[in-house]
């Protein structure tokens, strides 16, 4: 079951869930600040702050490599699936 809202895009709420899955905890405001200020997220339909799957994956490969390896996650699709199953 894929509970992520937008095809090929990640919202702040979803980014927060991914970081919670990998790190054990992530505050919504931290997720928003990271996406908006550090990663340059854009707004879609004046509703969602979003990033592409590729942008999120690139960020995670740089900043959470050890956690991805520990969980044996090798792709964004696998990460979304595992996060959705948590």
C-alpha atoms as a PDB file:
ATOM      1  CA  UNK A   1       0.000   0.000   0.000  1.00  0.00           C
ATOM      2  CA  UNK A   2       1.406   3.379  -1.016  1.00  0.00           C
ATOM      3  CA  UNK A   3       0.153   6.084   1.320  1.00  0.00           C
ATOM      4  CA  UNK A   4       2.224   8.848  -0.271  1.00  0.00           C
ATOM      5  CA  UNK A   5       0.027  11.508  -1.888  1.00  0.00           C
ATOM      6  CA  UNK A   6       1.731  12.703  -5.077  1.00  0.00           C
ATOM      7  CA  UNK A   7       3.314  10.646  -7.844  1.00  0.00           C
ATOM      8  CA  UNK A   8       7.073  11.276  -8.026  1.00  0.00           C
ATOM      9  CA  UNK A   9       6.921  14.035  -5.391  1.00  0.00           C
ATOM     10  CA  UNK A  10       7.440  14.111  -1.628  1.00  0.00           C
ATOM     11  CA  UNK A  11       5.510  16.472   0.669  1.00  0.00           C
ATOM     12  CA  UNK A  12       6.807  17.811   3.987  1.00  0.00           C
ATOM     13  CA  UNK A  13       4.599  15.389   5.896  1.00  0.00           C
ATOM     14  CA  UNK A  14       6.004  12.489   3.869  1.00  0.00           C
ATOM     15  CA  UNK A  15       9.573  13.772   4.270  1.00  0.00           C
ATOM     16  CA  UNK A  16       8.990  13.916   8.019  1.00  0.00           C
ATOM     17  CA  UNK A  17       7.726  10.315   7.978  1.00  0.00           C
ATOM     18  CA  UNK A  18      10.800   9.190   6.009  1.00  0.00           C
ATOM     19  CA  UNK A  19      13.142  10.883   8.480  1.00  0.00           C
ATOM     20  CA  UNK A  20      11.197   9.407  11.400  1.00  0.00           C
ATOM     21  CA  UNK A  21      11.546   5.973   9.796  1.00  0.00           C
ATOM     22  CA  UNK A  22      15.302   6.420   9.351  1.00  0.00           C
ATOM     23  CA  UNK A  23      16.167   8.431  12.476  1.00  0.00           C
ATOM     24  CA  UNK A  24      13.463   7.449  14.951  1.00  0.00           C
ATOM     25  CA  UNK A  25      12.253  11.049  15.387  1.00  0.00           C
ATOM     26  CA  UNK A  26      11.795  14.201  13.324  1.00  0.00           C
ATOM     27  CA  UNK A  27       9.846  17.333  14.189  1.00  0.00           C
ATOM     28  CA  UNK A  28       7.551  18.680  11.438  1.00  0.00           C
ATOM     29  CA  UNK A  29       9.150  22.144  11.623  1.00  0.00           C
ATOM     30  CA  UNK A  30      12.607  20.615  11.156  1.00  0.00           C
ATOM     31  CA  UNK A  31      11.369  18.685   8.109  1.00  0.00           C
ATOM     32  CA  UNK A  32       9.780  21.843   6.678  1.00  0.00           C
ATOM     33  CA  UNK A  33      12.884  23.960   7.274  1.00  0.00           C
ATOM     34  CA  UNK A  34      15.144  21.317   5.711  1.00  0.00           C
ATOM     35  CA  UNK A  35      12.959  20.954   2.626  1.00  0.00           C
ATOM     36  CA  UNK A  36      12.245  24.642   2.135  1.00  0.00           C
ATOM     37  CA  UNK A  37      15.483  26.321   3.224  1.00  0.00           C
ATOM     38  CA  UNK A  38      18.167  23.712   2.594  1.00  0.00           C
ATOM     39  CA  UNK A  39      16.745  21.804  -0.367  1.00  0.00           C
ATOM     40  CA  UNK A  40      14.772  24.546  -2.136  1.00  0.00           C
ATOM     41  CA  UNK A  41      11.348  22.887  -2.090  1.00  0.00           C
ATOM     42  CA  UNK A  42       8.650  24.589  -4.129  1.00  0.00           C
ATOM     43  CA  UNK A  43       4.957  24.960  -3.523  1.00  0.00           C
ATOM     44  CA  UNK A  44       2.497  23.100  -5.727  1.00  0.00           C
ATOM     45  CA  UNK A  45      -1.061  24.389  -6.043  1.00  0.00           C
ATOM     46  CA  UNK A  46      -0.231  26.754  -3.181  1.00  0.00           C
ATOM     47  CA  UNK A  47      -0.728  23.772  -0.889  1.00  0.00           C
ATOM     48  CA  UNK A  48       2.239  21.433  -0.683  1.00  0.00           C
ATOM     49  CA  UNK A  49       5.931  22.117  -0.220  1.00  0.00           C
ATOM     50  CA  UNK A  50       7.348  19.433  -2.491  1.00  0.00           C
ATOM     51  CA  UNK A  51      10.550  17.876  -3.742  1.00  0.00           C
ATOM     52  CA  UNK A  52      11.039  15.251  -6.419  1.00  0.00           C
ATOM     53  CA  UNK A  53      11.913  11.696  -5.447  1.00  0.00           C
ATOM     54  CA  UNK A  54      15.356  12.235  -7.017  1.00  0.00           C
ATOM     55  CA  UNK A  55      16.019  15.330  -4.870  1.00  0.00           C
ATOM     56  CA  UNK A  56      15.001  13.551  -1.673  1.00  0.00           C
ATOM     57  CA  UNK A  57      17.023  10.455  -2.560  1.00  0.00           C
ATOM     58  CA  UNK A  58      20.106  12.574  -3.310  1.00  0.00           C
ATOM     59  CA  UNK A  59      19.760  14.334   0.068  1.00  0.00           C
ATOM     60  CA  UNK A  60      19.385  11.014   1.897  1.00  0.00           C
ATOM     61  CA  UNK A  61      22.334   9.443   0.089  1.00  0.00           C
ATOM     62  CA  UNK A  62      24.485  12.353   1.254  1.00  0.00           C
ATOM     63  CA  UNK A  63      23.117  12.673   4.784  1.00  0.00           C
ATOM     64  CA  UNK A  64      21.707   9.298   5.829  1.00  0.00           C
ATOM     65  CA  UNK A  65      23.913   6.813   3.947  1.00  0.00           C
ATOM     66  CA  UNK A  66      24.625   4.743   7.049  1.00  0.00           C
ATOM     67  CA  UNK A  67      20.923   4.470   7.914  1.00  0.00           C
ATOM     68  CA  UNK A  68      19.984   3.468   4.367  1.00  0.00           C
ATOM     69  CA  UNK A  69      22.694   0.798   4.379  1.00  0.00           C
ATOM     70  CA  UNK A  70      21.695  -0.456   7.826  1.00  0.00           C
ATOM     71  CA  UNK A  71      18.122  -0.989   6.607  1.00  0.00           C
ATOM     72  CA  UNK A  72      19.368  -2.349   3.245  1.00  0.00           C
ATOM     73  CA  UNK A  73      17.431   0.284   1.309  1.00  0.00           C
ATOM     74  CA  UNK A  74      18.737   0.797  -2.197  1.00  0.00           C
ATOM     75  CA  UNK A  75      16.073   2.905  -3.911  1.00  0.00           C
ATOM     76  CA  UNK A  76      13.475   5.588  -3.293  1.00  0.00           C
ATOM     77  CA  UNK A  77      10.704   3.151  -4.184  1.00  0.00           C
ATOM     78  CA  UNK A  78      11.895   0.696  -1.560  1.00  0.00           C
ATOM     79  CA  UNK A  79      12.184   3.503   1.012  1.00  0.00           C
ATOM     80  CA  UNK A  80       8.628   4.687   0.325  1.00  0.00           C
ATOM     81  CA  UNK A  81       7.318   1.132   0.595  1.00  0.00           C
ATOM     82  CA  UNK A  82       9.184   0.451   3.851  1.00  0.00           C
ATOM     83  CA  UNK A  83       8.135   3.804   5.318  1.00  0.00           C
ATOM     84  CA  UNK A  84       4.521   3.161   4.368  1.00  0.00           C
ATOM     85  CA  UNK A  85       4.668  -0.216   6.102  1.00  0.00           C
ATOM     86  CA  UNK A  86       6.003   1.140   9.390  1.00  0.00           C
END
